[in-house]
Amino acid sequence: MTTTLSAPSLSTEVAVRLDGVRKTFGPAGRAVVALDGVDLTVEPGEFVCLLGASGCGKSTLLNLVAGLDAPSAGEITLNTSRPAVMFQEAALMPWLTAARNVELPLRLAGFGRAERREKVTELLDLVRLGGAGGKRPHELSGGMRQRVALARALAATLRTGSDQGQALLLMDEPFAALDAITRDVLQGELLRVYRSTGTSVLFVTHDVREAVRLGGRVVLLSSRPGRVVREWRNVPSADVEELTEEITAHLREVISTHAAA
């Protein structure tokens, strides 16, 4: 089976760029600064892991890129089709089958019935759930539900006609609630899907090993307010254990600095 989610042609444009992004919550005088002066780019077809301690603003940043919230200052530039978001919970419609859940964003995007059916089949095959399209979420394991959620997110990046753009997938710790074995399997599956589709990915995690395994680039945020304090490029070519130890040391430094403040 050859999927229609072919790798996009890379260009000099970035998939997403954040320039001096700041986000505060609450009224003046009592405002909490979640993000402060974040500069970040994701290149077309790049897999970037955003790493940081709990409460550092990782999810807030993802929500801003997704358009679910607006920055208090700074600018976010998207050169993509509307981003698709995948959360910790699969959040599938319980009354719909797996196939219907994947079909929903295609229907909203205006795909015809025959094309929807074809793309749903391709996407379920892509996440290795070709025989589970007729099952409802309660009939699936946690890992299978997350596979359906991944297929649905990929479907949400598709557009009709010439309005394709670069595809951008935003993932907010999507495997955190799974057991270790299932998580390991789905990390491998995500890499396989990523390599076969060329989708740009911004993946939020607090797990250093997960970031090193998945990311082509790892970006470390400081504790609140979140700022980019360090990044590692060409991660797949590095020594895994050595890089994991190095990033862990920097993460511990960030956490201890925040605790001492």
C-alpha atoms as a PDB file:
ATOM      1  CA  MET A   1       0.000   0.000   0.000  1.00  0.00           C
ATOM      2  CA  THR A   2       1.378   3.423  -0.968  1.00  0.00           C
ATOM      3  CA  THR A   3       0.078   6.222   1.199  1.00  0.00           C
ATOM      4  CA  THR A   4      -0.843   9.576  -0.324  1.00  0.00           C
ATOM      5  CA  LEU A   5       0.801  11.303   2.643  1.00  0.00           C
ATOM      6  CA  SER A   6       4.024  11.755   0.723  1.00  0.00           C
ATOM      7  CA  ALA A   7       6.935  13.726   2.141  1.00  0.00           C
ATOM      8  CA  PRO A   8       6.587  17.416   1.247  1.00  0.00           C
ATOM      9  CA  SER A   9       9.203  19.158  -0.833  1.00  0.00           C
ATOM     10  CA  LEU A  10      11.413  21.100   1.542  1.00  0.00           C
ATOM     11  CA  SER A  11      11.771  24.856   1.100  1.00  0.00           C
ATOM     12  CA  THR A  12      13.713  27.647   2.709  1.00  0.00           C
ATOM     13  CA  GLU A  13      10.609  28.670   4.648  1.00  0.00           C
ATOM     14  CA  VAL A  14      10.188  27.450   8.188  1.00  0.00           C
ATOM     15  CA  ALA A  15       7.118  25.440   9.156  1.00  0.00           C
ATOM     16  CA  VAL A  16       6.621  27.613  12.244  1.00  0.00           C
ATOM     17  CA  ARG A  17       8.569  30.469  13.800  1.00  0.00           C
ATOM     18  CA  LEU A  18       8.169  32.102  17.209  1.00  0.00           C
ATOM     19  CA  ASP A  19       9.752  35.532  17.674  1.00  0.00           C
ATOM     20  CA  GLY A  20       9.937  36.967  21.190  1.00  0.00           C
ATOM     21  CA  VAL A  21       6.773  35.163  22.290  1.00  0.00           C
ATOM     22  CA  ARG A  22       5.551  36.060  25.751  1.00  0.00           C
ATOM     23  CA  LYS A  23       2.460  34.755  27.524  1.00  0.00           C
ATOM     24  CA  THR A  24       1.026  35.979  30.804  1.00  0.00           C
ATOM     25  CA  PHE A  25      -2.073  34.888  32.695  1.00  0.00           C
ATOM     26  CA  GLY A  26      -4.090  36.984  35.120  1.00  0.00           C
ATOM     27  CA  PRO A  27      -4.651  40.712  35.672  1.00  0.00           C
ATOM     28  CA  ALA A  28      -1.909  43.340  35.741  1.00  0.00           C
ATOM     29  CA  GLY A  29      -0.058  43.378  39.052  1.00  0.00           C
ATOM     30  CA  ARG A  30      -0.865  39.730  39.696  1.00  0.00           C
ATOM     31  CA  ALA A  31      -0.024  38.299  36.307  1.00  0.00           C
ATOM     32  CA  VAL A  32       1.845  35.011  36.048  1.00  0.00           C
ATOM     33  CA  VAL A  33       4.441  34.941  33.274  1.00  0.00           C
ATOM     34  CA  ALA A  34       4.343  31.499  31.637  1.00  0.00           C
ATOM     35  CA  LEU A  35       6.607  32.237  28.657  1.00  0.00           C
ATOM     36  CA  ASP A  36       9.042  35.106  28.252  1.00  0.00           C
ATOM     37  CA  GLY A  37      10.804  35.949  25.003  1.00  0.00           C
ATOM     38  CA  VAL A  38      10.705  32.540  23.320  1.00  0.00           C
ATOM     39  CA  ASP A  39      12.451  32.337  19.939  1.00  0.00           C
ATOM     40  CA  LEU A  40      11.978  29.000  18.182  1.00  0.00           C
ATOM     41  CA  THR A  41      11.766  27.639  14.655  1.00  0.00           C
ATOM     42  CA  VAL A  42      10.673  24.308  13.228  1.00  0.00           C
ATOM     43  CA  GLU A  43      11.901  23.583   9.721  1.00  0.00           C
ATOM     44  CA  PRO A  44       9.726  21.784   7.138  1.00  0.00           C
ATOM     45  CA  GLY A  45       9.892  18.054   7.816  1.00  0.00           C
ATOM     46  CA  GLU A  46      11.770  18.526  11.111  1.00  0.00           C
ATOM     47  CA  PHE A  47      11.009  16.648  14.341  1.00  0.00           C
ATOM     48  CA  VAL A  48      11.625  18.973  17.303  1.00  0.00           C
ATOM     49  CA  CYS A  49      11.226  17.821  20.904  1.00  0.00           C
ATOM     50  CA  LEU A  50      10.431  20.551  23.405  1.00  0.00           C
ATOM     51  CA  LEU A  51      11.786  19.450  26.770  1.00  0.00           C
ATOM     52  CA  GLY A  52      11.389  20.932  30.219  1.00  0.00           C
ATOM     53  CA  ALA A  53      10.238  20.410  33.779  1.00  0.00           C
ATOM     54  CA  SER A  54       6.550  20.369  34.682  1.00  0.00           C
ATOM     55  CA  GLY A  55       5.072  23.864  34.675  1.00  0.00           C
ATOM     56  CA  CYS A  56       7.695  25.426  32.421  1.00  0.00           C
ATOM     57  CA  GLY A  57       5.179  26.446  29.747  1.00  0.00           C
ATOM     58  CA  LYS A  58       5.628  23.634  27.209  1.00  0.00           C
ATOM     59  CA  SER A  59       1.911  22.984  26.803  1.00  0.00           C
ATOM     60  CA  THR A  60       1.189  26.718  26.816  1.00  0.00           C
ATOM     61  CA  LEU A  61       3.596  27.150  23.905  1.00  0.00           C
ATOM     62  CA  LEU A  62       1.937  24.305  22.015  1.00  0.00           C
ATOM     63  CA  ASN A  63      -1.499  25.875  22.554  1.00  0.00           C
ATOM     64  CA  LEU A  64      -0.218  29.169  21.149  1.00  0.00           C
ATOM     65  CA  VAL A  65       1.149  27.504  18.021  1.00  0.00           C
ATOM     66  CA  ALA A  66      -2.131  25.603  17.616  1.00  0.00           C
ATOM     67  CA  GLY A  67      -4.079  28.855  17.786  1.00  0.00           C
ATOM     68  CA  LEU A  68      -5.961  27.741  20.895  1.00  0.00           C
ATOM     69  CA  ASP A  69      -4.688  30.846  22.701  1.00  0.00           C
ATOM     70  CA  ALA A  70      -2.988  34.097  21.711  1.00  0.00           C
ATOM     71  CA  PRO A  71       0.439  35.342  22.836  1.00  0.00           C
ATOM     72  CA  SER A  72       0.579  38.399  25.086  1.00  0.00           C
ATOM     73  CA  ALA A  73       3.520  39.682  23.035  1.00  0.00           C
ATOM     74  CA  GLY A  74       5.693  38.540  20.166  1.00  0.00           C
ATOM     75  CA  GLU A  75       4.762  36.906  16.889  1.00  0.00           C
ATOM     76  CA  ILE A  76       4.029  33.384  15.646  1.00  0.00           C
ATOM     77  CA  THR A  77       4.384  32.681  11.935  1.00  0.00           C
ATOM     78  CA  LEU A  78       2.942  29.519  10.393  1.00  0.00           C
ATOM     79  CA  ASN A  79       3.786  28.367   6.868  1.00  0.00           C
ATOM     80  CA  THR A  80       1.643  25.267   7.182  1.00  0.00           C
ATOM     81  CA  SER A  81      -1.857  24.026   6.839  1.00  0.00           C
ATOM     82  CA  ARG A  82      -3.762  24.336  10.115  1.00  0.00           C
ATOM     83  CA  PRO A  83      -1.775  22.434  12.772  1.00  0.00           C
ATOM     84  CA  ALA A  84      -3.198  19.207  14.126  1.00  0.00           C
ATOM     85  CA  VAL A  85      -2.901  18.525  17.854  1.00  0.00           C
ATOM     86  CA  MET A  86      -2.544  15.224  19.698  1.00  0.00           C
ATOM     87  CA  PHE A  87      -2.904  15.184  23.499  1.00  0.00           C
ATOM     88  CA  GLN A  88      -2.200  12.722  26.332  1.00  0.00           C
ATOM     89  CA  GLU A  89      -5.761  11.436  26.076  1.00  0.00           C
ATOM     90  CA  ALA A  90      -6.922  10.090  22.729  1.00  0.00           C
ATOM     91  CA  ALA A  91     -10.192  12.067  23.105  1.00  0.00           C
ATOM     92  CA  LEU A  92     -11.979   9.941  20.511  1.00  0.00           C
ATOM     93  CA  MET A  93     -15.716  10.267  19.966  1.00  0.00           C
ATOM     94  CA  PRO A  94     -16.978   7.203  21.883  1.00  0.00           C
ATOM     95  CA  TRP A  95     -20.076   6.749  19.698  1.00  0.00           C
ATOM     96  CA  LEU A  96     -18.028   6.643  16.482  1.00  0.00           C
ATOM     97  CA  THR A  97     -15.955   3.765  15.156  1.00  0.00           C
ATOM     98  CA  ALA A  98     -12.216   4.158  14.704  1.00  0.00           C
ATOM     99  CA  ALA A  99     -12.747   4.758  10.989  1.00  0.00           C
ATOM    100  CA  ARG A 100     -15.415   7.396  11.627  1.00  0.00           C
ATOM    101  CA  ASN A 101     -13.170   9.177  14.126  1.00  0.00           C
ATOM    102  CA  VAL A 102     -10.419   9.394  11.502  1.00  0.00           C
ATOM    103  CA  GLU A 103     -12.933  10.451   8.861  1.00  0.00           C
ATOM    104  CA  LEU A 104     -14.332  13.363  10.875  1.00  0.00           C
ATOM    105  CA  PRO A 105     -11.605  15.964  10.103  1.00  0.00           C
ATOM    106  CA  LEU A 106     -11.701  14.921   6.440  1.00  0.00           C
ATOM    107  CA  ARG A 107     -15.442  15.561   6.360  1.00  0.00           C
ATOM    108  CA  LEU A 108     -14.931  18.971   7.978  1.00  0.00           C
ATOM    109  CA  ALA A 109     -12.222  19.774   5.417  1.00  0.00           C
ATOM    110  CA  GLY A 110     -14.632  19.125   2.570  1.00  0.00           C
ATOM    111  CA  PHE A 111     -13.364  15.825   1.154  1.00  0.00           C
ATOM    112  CA  GLY A 112     -15.897  13.829  -0.839  1.00  0.00           C
ATOM    113  CA  ARG A 113     -17.207  10.491   0.409  1.00  0.00           C
ATOM    114  CA  ALA A 114     -15.100   8.282  -1.858  1.00  0.00           C
ATOM    115  CA  GLU A 115     -11.912  10.213  -1.125  1.00  0.00           C
ATOM    116  CA  ARG A 116     -12.638  10.132   2.606  1.00  0.00           C
ATOM    117  CA  ARG A 117     -13.051   6.365   2.510  1.00  0.00           C
ATOM    118  CA  GLU A 118      -9.781   5.951   0.607  1.00  0.00           C
ATOM    119  CA  LYS A 119      -7.790   8.202   2.923  1.00  0.00           C
ATOM    120  CA  VAL A 120      -9.217   6.619   6.079  1.00  0.00           C
ATOM    121  CA  THR A 121      -8.133   3.210   4.820  1.00  0.00           C
ATOM    122  CA  GLU A 122      -4.638   4.517   4.060  1.00  0.00           C
ATOM    123  CA  LEU A 123      -4.281   6.240   7.422  1.00  0.00           C
ATOM    124  CA  LEU A 124      -5.465   3.240   9.447  1.00  0.00           C
ATOM    125  CA  ASP A 125      -3.075   1.043   7.477  1.00  0.00           C
ATOM    126  CA  LEU A 126      -0.311   3.571   8.149  1.00  0.00           C
ATOM    127  CA  VAL A 127      -0.765   3.227  11.927  1.00  0.00           C
ATOM    128  CA  ARG A 128      -1.212  -0.551  11.570  1.00  0.00           C
ATOM    129  CA  LEU A 129      -4.889  -0.645  12.465  1.00  0.00           C
ATOM    130  CA  GLY A 130      -6.212  -1.737   9.105  1.00  0.00           C
ATOM    131  CA  GLY A 131      -8.478  -4.362  10.644  1.00  0.00           C
ATOM    132  CA  ALA A 132      -9.836  -2.216  13.471  1.00  0.00           C
ATOM    133  CA  GLY A 133     -11.757   0.459  11.575  1.00  0.00           C
ATOM    134  CA  GLY A 134     -15.134  -0.925  12.648  1.00  0.00           C
ATOM    135  CA  LYS A 135     -14.348  -0.996  16.368  1.00  0.00           C
ATOM    136  CA  ARG A 136     -15.439   1.688  18.814  1.00  0.00           C
ATOM    137  CA  PRO A 137     -12.955   3.238  21.291  1.00  0.00           C
ATOM    138  CA  HIS A 138     -14.085   1.097  24.250  1.00  0.00           C
ATOM    139  CA  GLU A 139     -13.183  -2.012  22.245  1.00  0.00           C
ATOM    140  CA  LEU A 140      -9.587  -0.830  21.742  1.00  0.00           C
ATOM    141  CA  SER A 141      -6.589  -0.867  24.080  1.00  0.00           C
ATOM    142  CA  GLY A 142      -5.015   2.406  25.220  1.00  0.00           C
ATOM    143  CA  GLY A 143      -2.227   2.046  22.700  1.00  0.00           C
ATOM    144  CA  MET A 144      -4.670   1.341  19.878  1.00  0.00           C
ATOM    145  CA  ARG A 145      -6.735   4.385  20.808  1.00  0.00           C
ATOM    146  CA  GLN A 146      -3.608   6.537  20.576  1.00  0.00           C
ATOM    147  CA  ARG A 147      -2.893   5.063  17.139  1.00  0.00           C
ATOM    148  CA  VAL A 148      -6.384   6.093  16.058  1.00  0.00           C
ATOM    149  CA  ALA A 149      -5.749   9.548  17.516  1.00  0.00           C
ATOM    150  CA  LEU A 150      -2.509   9.756  15.500  1.00  0.00           C
ATOM    151  CA  ALA A 151      -4.322   8.762  12.315  1.00  0.00           C
ATOM    152  CA  ARG A 152      -7.002  11.367  13.034  1.00  0.00           C
ATOM    153  CA  ALA A 153      -4.354  14.038  13.663  1.00  0.00           C
ATOM    154  CA  LEU A 154      -2.673  13.200  10.354  1.00  0.00           C
ATOM    155  CA  ALA A 155      -6.071  13.404   8.660  1.00  0.00           C
ATOM    156  CA  ALA A 156      -6.541  16.864  10.154  1.00  0.00           C
ATOM    157  CA  THR A 157      -3.401  18.100   8.375  1.00  0.00           C
ATOM    158  CA  LEU A 158      -4.844  17.207   4.951  1.00  0.00           C
ATOM    159  CA  ARG A 159      -6.561  19.761   2.733  1.00  0.00           C
ATOM    160  CA  THR A 160      -8.503  19.545  -0.496  1.00  0.00           C
ATOM    161  CA  GLY A 161      -7.338  20.933  -3.817  1.00  0.00           C
ATOM    162  CA  SER A 162      -4.171  23.027  -3.998  1.00  0.00           C
ATOM    163  CA  ASP A 163      -4.466  24.316  -0.409  1.00  0.00           C
ATOM    164  CA  GLN A 164      -2.103  21.745   1.039  1.00  0.00           C
ATOM    165  CA  GLY A 165       0.780  23.646   2.647  1.00  0.00           C
ATOM    166  CA  GLN A 166       3.286  22.042   4.957  1.00  0.00           C
ATOM    167  CA  ALA A 167       1.772  19.630   7.477  1.00  0.00           C
ATOM    168  CA  LEU A 168       2.449  20.367  11.156  1.00  0.00           C
ATOM    169  CA  LEU A 169       1.671  17.947  13.973  1.00  0.00           C
ATOM    170  CA  LEU A 170       1.697  19.222  17.566  1.00  0.00           C
ATOM    171  CA  MET A 171       1.993  16.498  20.203  1.00  0.00           C
ATOM    172  CA  ASP A 172       1.542  17.165  23.925  1.00  0.00           C
ATOM    173  CA  GLU A 173       3.036  14.181  25.793  1.00  0.00           C
ATOM    174  CA  PRO A 174       0.796  11.766  23.841  1.00  0.00           C
ATOM    175  CA  PHE A 175       2.315   8.621  25.365  1.00  0.00           C
ATOM    176  CA  ALA A 176       2.657   9.757  28.977  1.00  0.00           C
ATOM    177  CA  ALA A 177      -0.397   7.854  30.238  1.00  0.00           C
ATOM    178  CA  LEU A 178       0.633   4.543  28.666  1.00  0.00           C
ATOM    179  CA  ASP A 179       2.565   1.683  30.236  1.00  0.00           C
ATOM    180  CA  ALA A 180       6.294   1.482  29.467  1.00  0.00           C
ATOM    181  CA  ILE A 181       6.062  -1.306  26.891  1.00  0.00           C
ATOM    182  CA  THR A 182       3.207   0.286  24.949  1.00  0.00           C
ATOM    183  CA  ARG A 183       4.958   3.633  25.106  1.00  0.00           C
ATOM    184  CA  ASP A 184       8.137   2.134  23.673  1.00  0.00           C
ATOM    185  CA  VAL A 185       6.202   0.502  20.835  1.00  0.00           C
ATOM    186  CA  LEU A 186       4.323   3.691  19.960  1.00  0.00           C
ATOM    187  CA  GLN A 187       7.493   5.776  19.986  1.00  0.00           C
ATOM    188  CA  GLY A 188       8.851   3.446  17.339  1.00  0.00           C
ATOM    189  CA  GLU A 189       5.599   3.595  15.405  1.00  0.00           C
ATOM    190  CA  LEU A 190       5.598   7.393  15.523  1.00  0.00           C
ATOM    191  CA  LEU A 191       9.108   7.497  14.068  1.00  0.00           C
ATOM    192  CA  ARG A 192       8.059   5.136  11.296  1.00  0.00           C
ATOM    193  CA  VAL A 193       5.011   7.266  10.461  1.00  0.00           C
ATOM    194  CA  TYR A 194       7.055  10.478  10.631  1.00  0.00           C
ATOM    195  CA  ARG A 195       9.703   9.146   8.258  1.00  0.00           C
ATOM    196  CA  SER A 196       7.091   7.943   5.783  1.00  0.00           C
ATOM    197  CA  THR A 197       5.090  11.205   5.740  1.00  0.00           C
ATOM    198  CA  GLY A 198       7.670  13.987   6.214  1.00  0.00           C
ATOM    199  CA  THR A 199       5.279  15.835   8.537  1.00  0.00           C
ATOM    200  CA  SER A 200       6.810  18.579  10.686  1.00  0.00           C
ATOM    201  CA  VAL A 201       6.457  17.644  14.362  1.00  0.00           C
ATOM    202  CA  LEU A 202       6.683  19.702  17.557  1.00  0.00           C
ATOM    203  CA  PHE A 203       6.619  17.188  20.396  1.00  0.00           C
ATOM    204  CA  VAL A 204       6.327  18.193  24.064  1.00  0.00           C
ATOM    205  CA  THR A 205       7.830  15.931  26.736  1.00  0.00           C
ATOM    206  CA  HIS A 206       9.526  16.006  30.136  1.00  0.00           C
ATOM    207  CA  ASP A 207      11.193  12.635  29.461  1.00  0.00           C
ATOM    208  CA  VAL A 208      14.815  13.057  28.333  1.00  0.00           C
ATOM    209  CA  ARG A 209      15.097   9.555  26.867  1.00  0.00           C
ATOM    210  CA  GLU A 210      11.919  10.055  24.869  1.00  0.00           C
ATOM    211  CA  ALA A 211      13.228  13.371  23.528  1.00  0.00           C
ATOM    212  CA  VAL A 212      16.564  11.828  22.506  1.00  0.00           C
ATOM    213  CA  ARG A 213      14.907   8.854  20.848  1.00  0.00           C
ATOM    214  CA  LEU A 214      12.396  10.866  18.841  1.00  0.00           C
ATOM    215  CA  GLY A 215      13.828  14.280  18.121  1.00  0.00           C
ATOM    216  CA  GLY A 216      16.067  15.389  15.325  1.00  0.00           C
ATOM    217  CA  ARG A 217      16.525  18.438  17.550  1.00  0.00           C
ATOM    218  CA  VAL A 218      15.916  18.820  21.288  1.00  0.00           C
ATOM    219  CA  VAL A 219      15.073  22.230  22.744  1.00  0.00           C
ATOM    220  CA  LEU A 220      15.282  22.789  26.512  1.00  0.00           C
ATOM    221  CA  LEU A 221      13.047  25.338  28.231  1.00  0.00           C
ATOM    222  CA  SER A 222      13.874  26.944  31.552  1.00  0.00           C
ATOM    223  CA  SER A 223      11.508  26.666  34.485  1.00  0.00           C
ATOM    224  CA  ARG A 224       8.808  29.324  34.670  1.00  0.00           C
ATOM    225  CA  PRO A 225       8.894  31.677  32.946  1.00  0.00           C
ATOM    226  CA  GLY A 226       9.798  29.447  30.026  1.00  0.00           C
ATOM    227  CA  ARG A 227      12.707  30.547  27.863  1.00  0.00           C
ATOM    228  CA  VAL A 228      14.856  28.580  25.433  1.00  0.00           C
ATOM    229  CA  VAL A 229      18.087  27.936  27.321  1.00  0.00           C
ATOM    230  CA  ARG A 230      19.764  25.239  25.234  1.00  0.00           C
ATOM    231  CA  GLU A 231      19.248  23.109  22.151  1.00  0.00           C
ATOM    232  CA  TRP A 232      20.885  20.056  20.638  1.00  0.00           C
ATOM    233  CA  ARG A 233      20.942  19.463  16.861  1.00  0.00           C
ATOM    234  CA  ASN A 234      21.633  16.335  14.826  1.00  0.00           C
ATOM    235  CA  VAL A 235      20.416  14.234  17.745  1.00  0.00           C
ATOM    236  CA  PRO A 236      20.055  10.934  15.811  1.00  0.00           C
ATOM    237  CA  SER A 237      23.782  10.933  15.010  1.00  0.00           C
ATOM    238  CA  ALA A 238      24.856  11.406  18.642  1.00  0.00           C
ATOM    239  CA  ASP A 239      25.769   8.756  21.213  1.00  0.00           C
ATOM    240  CA  VAL A 240      22.423   8.083  22.898  1.00  0.00           C
ATOM    241  CA  GLU A 241      23.666   7.426  26.443  1.00  0.00           C
ATOM    242  CA  GLU A 242      26.165  10.281  26.420  1.00  0.00           C
ATOM    243  CA  LEU A 243      23.626  12.767  25.062  1.00  0.00           C
ATOM    244  CA  THR A 244      20.943  11.583  27.510  1.00  0.00           C
ATOM    245  CA  GLU A 245      23.320  12.177  30.421  1.00  0.00           C
ATOM    246  CA  GLU A 246      24.287  15.614  29.104  1.00  0.00           C
ATOM    247  CA  ILE A 247      20.694  16.776  28.611  1.00  0.00           C
ATOM    248  CA  THR A 248      19.642  15.311  31.978  1.00  0.00           C
ATOM    249  CA  ALA A 249      22.399  17.283  33.693  1.00  0.00           C
ATOM    250  CA  HIS A 250      21.201  20.515  32.072  1.00  0.00           C
ATOM    251  CA  LEU A 251      17.584  19.756  32.979  1.00  0.00           C
ATOM    252  CA  ARG A 252      18.563  19.135  36.602  1.00  0.00           C
ATOM    253  CA  GLU A 253      20.463  22.425  36.617  1.00  0.00           C
ATOM    254  CA  VAL A 254      17.394  24.243  35.326  1.00  0.00           C
ATOM    255  CA  ILE A 255      15.190  22.656  37.981  1.00  0.00           C
ATOM    256  CA  SER A 256      17.639  23.304  40.840  1.00  0.00           C
ATOM    257  CA  THR A 257      18.151  26.919  39.768  1.00  0.00           C
ATOM    258  CA  HIS A 258      14.409  27.457  39.809  1.00  0.00           C
ATOM    259  CA  ALA A 259      14.053  25.782  43.224  1.00  0.00           C
ATOM    260  CA  ALA A 260      16.753  28.020  44.685  1.00  0.00           C
ATOM    261  CA  ALA A 261      15.221  31.230  43.308  1.00  0.00           C
END
